[in-house]
């Protein structure tokens, strides 16, 4: 089946293709991206899916995805602002946590998929961990060079894209989505 991802992010496309091999996934061809005005990840994912539904072929499934990092010592920030928090959000996060002993964080991914008839299927994936003291590794994107998942000593960027394809917050959301679609 074909799924259109309402995004222009090739990294998210690559990760979802790896996590959902049974789907043919393409990026939405639209003049712009929708405004992420939601207060939660799921609201933003729903906004993107609705936008995709308006611009995709009516016979195709569409997906909206929103994800980010929540840091305990910052009261959950940057949260839904993860990508827009600063011109260099990773540097800002490291600066905000300089000297902090509580470095707990979690990645969150929300997927909202709309069928051709408009039926919504939603899935959530999280990955607990902590923020490293500095950048390490060269794979992944976003906060991956500073995020160390629980049970690991390396950052997601050090663990690499192959590890992410089965263990990341996005991979977990994709697995839940596959399960929910199988039940539908």
C-alpha atoms as a PDB file:
ATOM      1  CA  UNK A   1       0.000   0.000   0.000  1.00  0.00           C
ATOM      2  CA  UNK A   2       1.073   3.571  -0.574  1.00  0.00           C
ATOM      3  CA  UNK A   3       1.470   6.084   2.238  1.00  0.00           C
ATOM      4  CA  UNK A   4       2.157   9.782   1.704  1.00  0.00           C
ATOM      5  CA  UNK A   5       4.085  11.468   4.519  1.00  0.00           C
ATOM      6  CA  UNK A   6       3.095  15.114   4.997  1.00  0.00           C
ATOM      7  CA  UNK A   7       6.662  16.284   5.496  1.00  0.00           C
ATOM      8  CA  UNK A   8       9.661  17.545   3.572  1.00  0.00           C
ATOM      9  CA  UNK A   9      12.128  15.816   5.924  1.00  0.00           C
ATOM     10  CA  UNK A  10      14.098  13.113   4.051  1.00  0.00           C
ATOM     11  CA  UNK A  11      15.507  11.751   7.343  1.00  0.00           C
ATOM     12  CA  UNK A  12      12.022  10.993   8.665  1.00  0.00           C
ATOM     13  CA  UNK A  13      11.108   9.453   5.314  1.00  0.00           C
ATOM     14  CA  UNK A  14      14.165   7.162   5.449  1.00  0.00           C
ATOM     15  CA  UNK A  15      13.401   6.070   9.014  1.00  0.00           C
ATOM     16  CA  UNK A  16       9.736   5.360   8.313  1.00  0.00           C
ATOM     17  CA  UNK A  17      10.617   3.399   5.165  1.00  0.00           C
ATOM     18  CA  UNK A  18      12.943   1.230   7.238  1.00  0.00           C
ATOM     19  CA  UNK A  19      10.366   0.779  10.001  1.00  0.00           C
ATOM     20  CA  UNK A  20       7.414   0.136   7.656  1.00  0.00           C
ATOM     21  CA  UNK A  21       8.857  -1.960   4.808  1.00  0.00           C
ATOM     22  CA  UNK A  22       5.408  -3.203   3.799  1.00  0.00           C
ATOM     23  CA  UNK A  23       4.431   0.343   2.758  1.00  0.00           C
ATOM     24  CA  UNK A  24       5.537   2.370  -0.243  1.00  0.00           C
ATOM     25  CA  UNK A  25       6.158   5.731   1.454  1.00  0.00           C
ATOM     26  CA  UNK A  26       6.698   9.027  -0.359  1.00  0.00           C
ATOM     27  CA  UNK A  27       6.923  12.634   0.753  1.00  0.00           C
ATOM     28  CA  UNK A  28       3.915  14.833   0.076  1.00  0.00           C
ATOM     29  CA  UNK A  29       4.255  17.070  -2.929  1.00  0.00           C
ATOM     30  CA  UNK A  30       2.601  20.285  -1.796  1.00  0.00           C
ATOM     31  CA  UNK A  31       3.484  23.957  -2.156  1.00  0.00           C
ATOM     32  CA  UNK A  32       4.448  24.295   1.503  1.00  0.00           C
ATOM     33  CA  UNK A  33       4.315  22.562   4.850  1.00  0.00           C
ATOM     34  CA  UNK A  34       1.424  23.138   7.239  1.00  0.00           C
ATOM     35  CA  UNK A  35       1.874  25.467  10.199  1.00  0.00           C
ATOM     36  CA  UNK A  36       2.550  23.440  13.334  1.00  0.00           C
ATOM     37  CA  UNK A  37       0.248  25.351  15.644  1.00  0.00           C
ATOM     38  CA  UNK A  38      -0.630  22.469  17.980  1.00  0.00           C
ATOM     39  CA  UNK A  39       0.251  22.439  21.664  1.00  0.00           C
ATOM     40  CA  UNK A  40       1.077  18.716  21.645  1.00  0.00           C
ATOM     41  CA  UNK A  41       2.882  16.311  19.343  1.00  0.00           C
ATOM     42  CA  UNK A  42      -0.380  14.563  18.460  1.00  0.00           C
ATOM     43  CA  UNK A  43      -2.095  17.854  17.578  1.00  0.00           C
ATOM     44  CA  UNK A  44       0.759  18.734  15.217  1.00  0.00           C
ATOM     45  CA  UNK A  45       0.730  15.242  13.684  1.00  0.00           C
ATOM     46  CA  UNK A  46      -3.020  15.558  13.123  1.00  0.00           C
ATOM     47  CA  UNK A  47      -2.568  19.007  11.502  1.00  0.00           C
ATOM     48  CA  UNK A  48       0.010  17.522   9.116  1.00  0.00           C
ATOM     49  CA  UNK A  49      -2.158  14.493   8.300  1.00  0.00           C
ATOM     50  CA  UNK A  50      -5.167  16.722   7.588  1.00  0.00           C
ATOM     51  CA  UNK A  51      -3.045  18.925   5.361  1.00  0.00           C
ATOM     52  CA  UNK A  52      -1.799  15.822   3.570  1.00  0.00           C
ATOM     53  CA  UNK A  53      -5.350  14.555   3.115  1.00  0.00           C
ATOM     54  CA  UNK A  54      -6.190  17.843   1.325  1.00  0.00           C
ATOM     55  CA  UNK A  55      -3.222  17.621  -1.064  1.00  0.00           C
ATOM     56  CA  UNK A  56      -2.670  13.890  -1.687  1.00  0.00           C
ATOM     57  CA  UNK A  57      -4.431  11.641  -4.144  1.00  0.00           C
ATOM     58  CA  UNK A  58      -7.796  10.749  -2.575  1.00  0.00           C
ATOM     59  CA  UNK A  59      -6.995   7.022  -2.946  1.00  0.00           C
ATOM     60  CA  UNK A  60      -3.795   7.223  -0.907  1.00  0.00           C
ATOM     61  CA  UNK A  61      -3.252   6.944   2.816  1.00  0.00           C
ATOM     62  CA  UNK A  62      -1.607   9.995   4.386  1.00  0.00           C
ATOM     63  CA  UNK A  63       0.488  10.347   7.523  1.00  0.00           C
ATOM     64  CA  UNK A  64       1.389  13.214   9.773  1.00  0.00           C
ATOM     65  CA  UNK A  65       4.326  12.810  12.138  1.00  0.00           C
ATOM     66  CA  UNK A  66       5.563  15.053  14.905  1.00  0.00           C
ATOM     67  CA  UNK A  67       8.390  14.282  17.244  1.00  0.00           C
ATOM     68  CA  UNK A  68      10.869  15.865  19.572  1.00  0.00           C
ATOM     69  CA  UNK A  69      12.702  15.662  22.848  1.00  0.00           C
ATOM     70  CA  UNK A  70      11.384  16.404  26.332  1.00  0.00           C
ATOM     71  CA  UNK A  71      13.947  17.156  29.033  1.00  0.00           C
ATOM     72  CA  UNK A  72      12.958  16.659  32.692  1.00  0.00           C
ATOM     73  CA  UNK A  73      15.164  19.438  34.106  1.00  0.00           C
ATOM     74  CA  UNK A  74      13.570  21.889  31.655  1.00  0.00           C
ATOM     75  CA  UNK A  75       9.984  20.971  32.525  1.00  0.00           C
ATOM     76  CA  UNK A  76       9.558  19.022  29.289  1.00  0.00           C
ATOM     77  CA  UNK A  77      11.108  21.612  26.989  1.00  0.00           C
ATOM     78  CA  UNK A  78      11.837  21.911  24.163  1.00  0.00           C
ATOM     79  CA  UNK A  79       8.925  19.503  23.471  1.00  0.00           C
ATOM     80  CA  UNK A  80       6.837  20.456  20.430  1.00  0.00           C
ATOM     81  CA  UNK A  81       9.287  23.303  19.799  1.00  0.00           C
ATOM     82  CA  UNK A  82      12.235  20.885  19.420  1.00  0.00           C
ATOM     83  CA  UNK A  83      12.959  21.777  15.790  1.00  0.00           C
ATOM     84  CA  UNK A  84      12.230  25.494  16.201  1.00  0.00           C
ATOM     85  CA  UNK A  85      13.617  26.108  19.693  1.00  0.00           C
ATOM     86  CA  UNK A  86      16.728  27.953  18.529  1.00  0.00           C
ATOM     87  CA  UNK A  87      18.883  28.409  15.439  1.00  0.00           C
ATOM     88  CA  UNK A  88      21.097  25.663  16.929  1.00  0.00           C
ATOM     89  CA  UNK A  89      18.758  23.719  19.247  1.00  0.00           C
ATOM     90  CA  UNK A  90      21.375  21.108  20.208  1.00  0.00           C
ATOM     91  CA  UNK A  91      23.852  23.781  21.345  1.00  0.00           C
ATOM     92  CA  UNK A  92      21.081  25.560  23.250  1.00  0.00           C
ATOM     93  CA  UNK A  93      20.074  22.348  25.030  1.00  0.00           C
ATOM     94  CA  UNK A  94      23.663  21.614  26.033  1.00  0.00           C
ATOM     95  CA  UNK A  95      24.020  25.182  27.335  1.00  0.00           C
ATOM     96  CA  UNK A  96      20.750  24.958  29.291  1.00  0.00           C
ATOM     97  CA  UNK A  97      21.953  21.742  30.959  1.00  0.00           C
ATOM     98  CA  UNK A  98      25.526  22.890  31.659  1.00  0.00           C
ATOM     99  CA  UNK A  99      26.358  21.647  35.158  1.00  0.00           C
ATOM    100  CA  UNK A 100      22.956  19.965  35.618  1.00  0.00           C
ATOM    101  CA  UNK A 101      22.933  16.613  37.384  1.00  0.00           C
ATOM    102  CA  UNK A 102      19.433  15.689  36.153  1.00  0.00           C
ATOM    103  CA  UNK A 103      19.865  14.993  32.442  1.00  0.00           C
ATOM    104  CA  UNK A 104      16.841  12.698  31.990  1.00  0.00           C
ATOM    105  CA  UNK A 105      15.089  13.081  28.654  1.00  0.00           C
ATOM    106  CA  UNK A 106      12.822  11.218  26.307  1.00  0.00           C
ATOM    107  CA  UNK A 107      12.146  11.229  22.629  1.00  0.00           C
ATOM    108  CA  UNK A 108       8.469  11.258  21.622  1.00  0.00           C
ATOM    109  CA  UNK A 109       6.951  10.453  18.226  1.00  0.00           C
ATOM    110  CA  UNK A 110       3.300  10.717  17.298  1.00  0.00           C
ATOM    111  CA  UNK A 111       1.986   9.309  14.029  1.00  0.00           C
ATOM    112  CA  UNK A 112      -1.491  10.083  12.734  1.00  0.00           C
ATOM    113  CA  UNK A 113      -2.550   8.249   9.583  1.00  0.00           C
ATOM    114  CA  UNK A 114      -5.717   8.983   7.624  1.00  0.00           C
ATOM    115  CA  UNK A 115      -7.204   6.371   5.323  1.00  0.00           C
ATOM    116  CA  UNK A 116      -8.745   7.369   1.990  1.00  0.00           C
ATOM    117  CA  UNK A 117     -12.142   7.511   3.718  1.00  0.00           C
ATOM    118  CA  UNK A 118     -10.757   9.738   6.500  1.00  0.00           C
ATOM    119  CA  UNK A 119     -10.546   7.119   9.254  1.00  0.00           C
ATOM    120  CA  UNK A 120      -7.789   8.086  11.710  1.00  0.00           C
ATOM    121  CA  UNK A 121      -5.268   5.654  13.144  1.00  0.00           C
ATOM    122  CA  UNK A 122      -2.844   7.000  15.738  1.00  0.00           C
ATOM    123  CA  UNK A 123       0.337   5.587  17.223  1.00  0.00           C
ATOM    124  CA  UNK A 124       2.847   6.789  19.799  1.00  0.00           C
ATOM    125  CA  UNK A 125       6.464   5.849  20.383  1.00  0.00           C
ATOM    126  CA  UNK A 126       8.786   6.984  23.156  1.00  0.00           C
ATOM    127  CA  UNK A 127      12.410   6.329  24.006  1.00  0.00           C
ATOM    128  CA  UNK A 128      13.741   7.146  27.467  1.00  0.00           C
ATOM    129  CA  UNK A 129      17.311   8.238  28.031  1.00  0.00           C
ATOM    130  CA  UNK A 130      19.496  11.153  29.026  1.00  0.00           C
ATOM    131  CA  UNK A 131      21.348  14.048  27.463  1.00  0.00           C
ATOM    132  CA  UNK A 132      25.105  13.539  27.056  1.00  0.00           C
ATOM    133  CA  UNK A 133      27.594  16.260  28.010  1.00  0.00           C
ATOM    134  CA  UNK A 134      28.671  16.822  24.412  1.00  0.00           C
ATOM    135  CA  UNK A 135      28.243  15.801  20.792  1.00  0.00           C
ATOM    136  CA  UNK A 136      29.187  12.222  19.875  1.00  0.00           C
ATOM    137  CA  UNK A 137      28.653  10.286  16.655  1.00  0.00           C
ATOM    138  CA  UNK A 138      27.849  11.171  13.084  1.00  0.00           C
ATOM    139  CA  UNK A 139      24.699   9.278  12.092  1.00  0.00           C
ATOM    140  CA  UNK A 140      21.097  10.262  12.649  1.00  0.00           C
ATOM    141  CA  UNK A 141      19.939  13.862  12.846  1.00  0.00           C
ATOM    142  CA  UNK A 142      18.570  16.440  15.248  1.00  0.00           C
ATOM    143  CA  UNK A 143      19.348  15.657  18.885  1.00  0.00           C
ATOM    144  CA  UNK A 144      20.796  12.194  18.119  1.00  0.00           C
ATOM    145  CA  UNK A 145      24.448  13.248  18.827  1.00  0.00           C
ATOM    146  CA  UNK A 146      23.522  14.084  22.449  1.00  0.00           C
ATOM    147  CA  UNK A 147      20.791  11.537  23.290  1.00  0.00           C
ATOM    148  CA  UNK A 148      21.871   8.357  25.113  1.00  0.00           C
ATOM    149  CA  UNK A 149      19.047   5.779  25.341  1.00  0.00           C
ATOM    150  CA  UNK A 150      18.586   3.912  28.631  1.00  0.00           C
ATOM    151  CA  UNK A 151      20.683   0.770  28.687  1.00  0.00           C
ATOM    152  CA  UNK A 152      23.221   2.207  26.265  1.00  0.00           C
ATOM    153  CA  UNK A 153      26.480   4.114  26.740  1.00  0.00           C
ATOM    154  CA  UNK A 154      26.566   5.551  23.223  1.00  0.00           C
ATOM    155  CA  UNK A 155      24.466   8.327  21.722  1.00  0.00           C
ATOM    156  CA  UNK A 156      21.909   7.569  19.026  1.00  0.00           C
ATOM    157  CA  UNK A 157      24.328   9.106  16.500  1.00  0.00           C
ATOM    158  CA  UNK A 158      26.983   6.615  17.624  1.00  0.00           C
ATOM    159  CA  UNK A 159      24.543   3.692  17.636  1.00  0.00           C
ATOM    160  CA  UNK A 160      23.663   4.573  14.062  1.00  0.00           C
ATOM    161  CA  UNK A 161      20.804   4.426  11.632  1.00  0.00           C
ATOM    162  CA  UNK A 162      20.585   0.626  11.657  1.00  0.00           C
ATOM    163  CA  UNK A 163      20.047   0.661  15.443  1.00  0.00           C
ATOM    164  CA  UNK A 164      17.523   3.489  15.111  1.00  0.00           C
ATOM    165  CA  UNK A 165      15.531   1.560  12.500  1.00  0.00           C
ATOM    166  CA  UNK A 166      14.350  -0.875  15.190  1.00  0.00           C
ATOM    167  CA  UNK A 167      14.797   0.950  18.521  1.00  0.00           C
ATOM    168  CA  UNK A 168      14.033   4.658  18.043  1.00  0.00           C
ATOM    169  CA  UNK A 169      10.885   6.465  19.140  1.00  0.00           C
ATOM    170  CA  UNK A 170       9.863   6.673  15.463  1.00  0.00           C
ATOM    171  CA  UNK A 171      10.424   2.931  14.937  1.00  0.00           C
ATOM    172  CA  UNK A 172       8.360   2.192  18.048  1.00  0.00           C
ATOM    173  CA  UNK A 173       5.517   4.408  16.803  1.00  0.00           C
ATOM    174  CA  UNK A 174       5.697   2.688  13.397  1.00  0.00           C
ATOM    175  CA  UNK A 175       5.449  -0.769  15.015  1.00  0.00           C
ATOM    176  CA  UNK A 176       2.435   0.350  17.025  1.00  0.00           C
ATOM    177  CA  UNK A 177       0.904   1.779  13.852  1.00  0.00           C
ATOM    178  CA  UNK A 178       1.405  -1.514  11.989  1.00  0.00           C
ATOM    179  CA  UNK A 179      -0.234  -3.367  14.879  1.00  0.00           C
ATOM    180  CA  UNK A 180      -3.205  -0.993  14.971  1.00  0.00           C
ATOM    181  CA  UNK A 181      -3.674  -1.183  11.194  1.00  0.00           C
ATOM    182  CA  UNK A 182      -3.595  -4.989  11.340  1.00  0.00           C
ATOM    183  CA  UNK A 183      -6.432  -4.866  13.878  1.00  0.00           C
ATOM    184  CA  UNK A 184      -8.471  -2.373  11.839  1.00  0.00           C
END
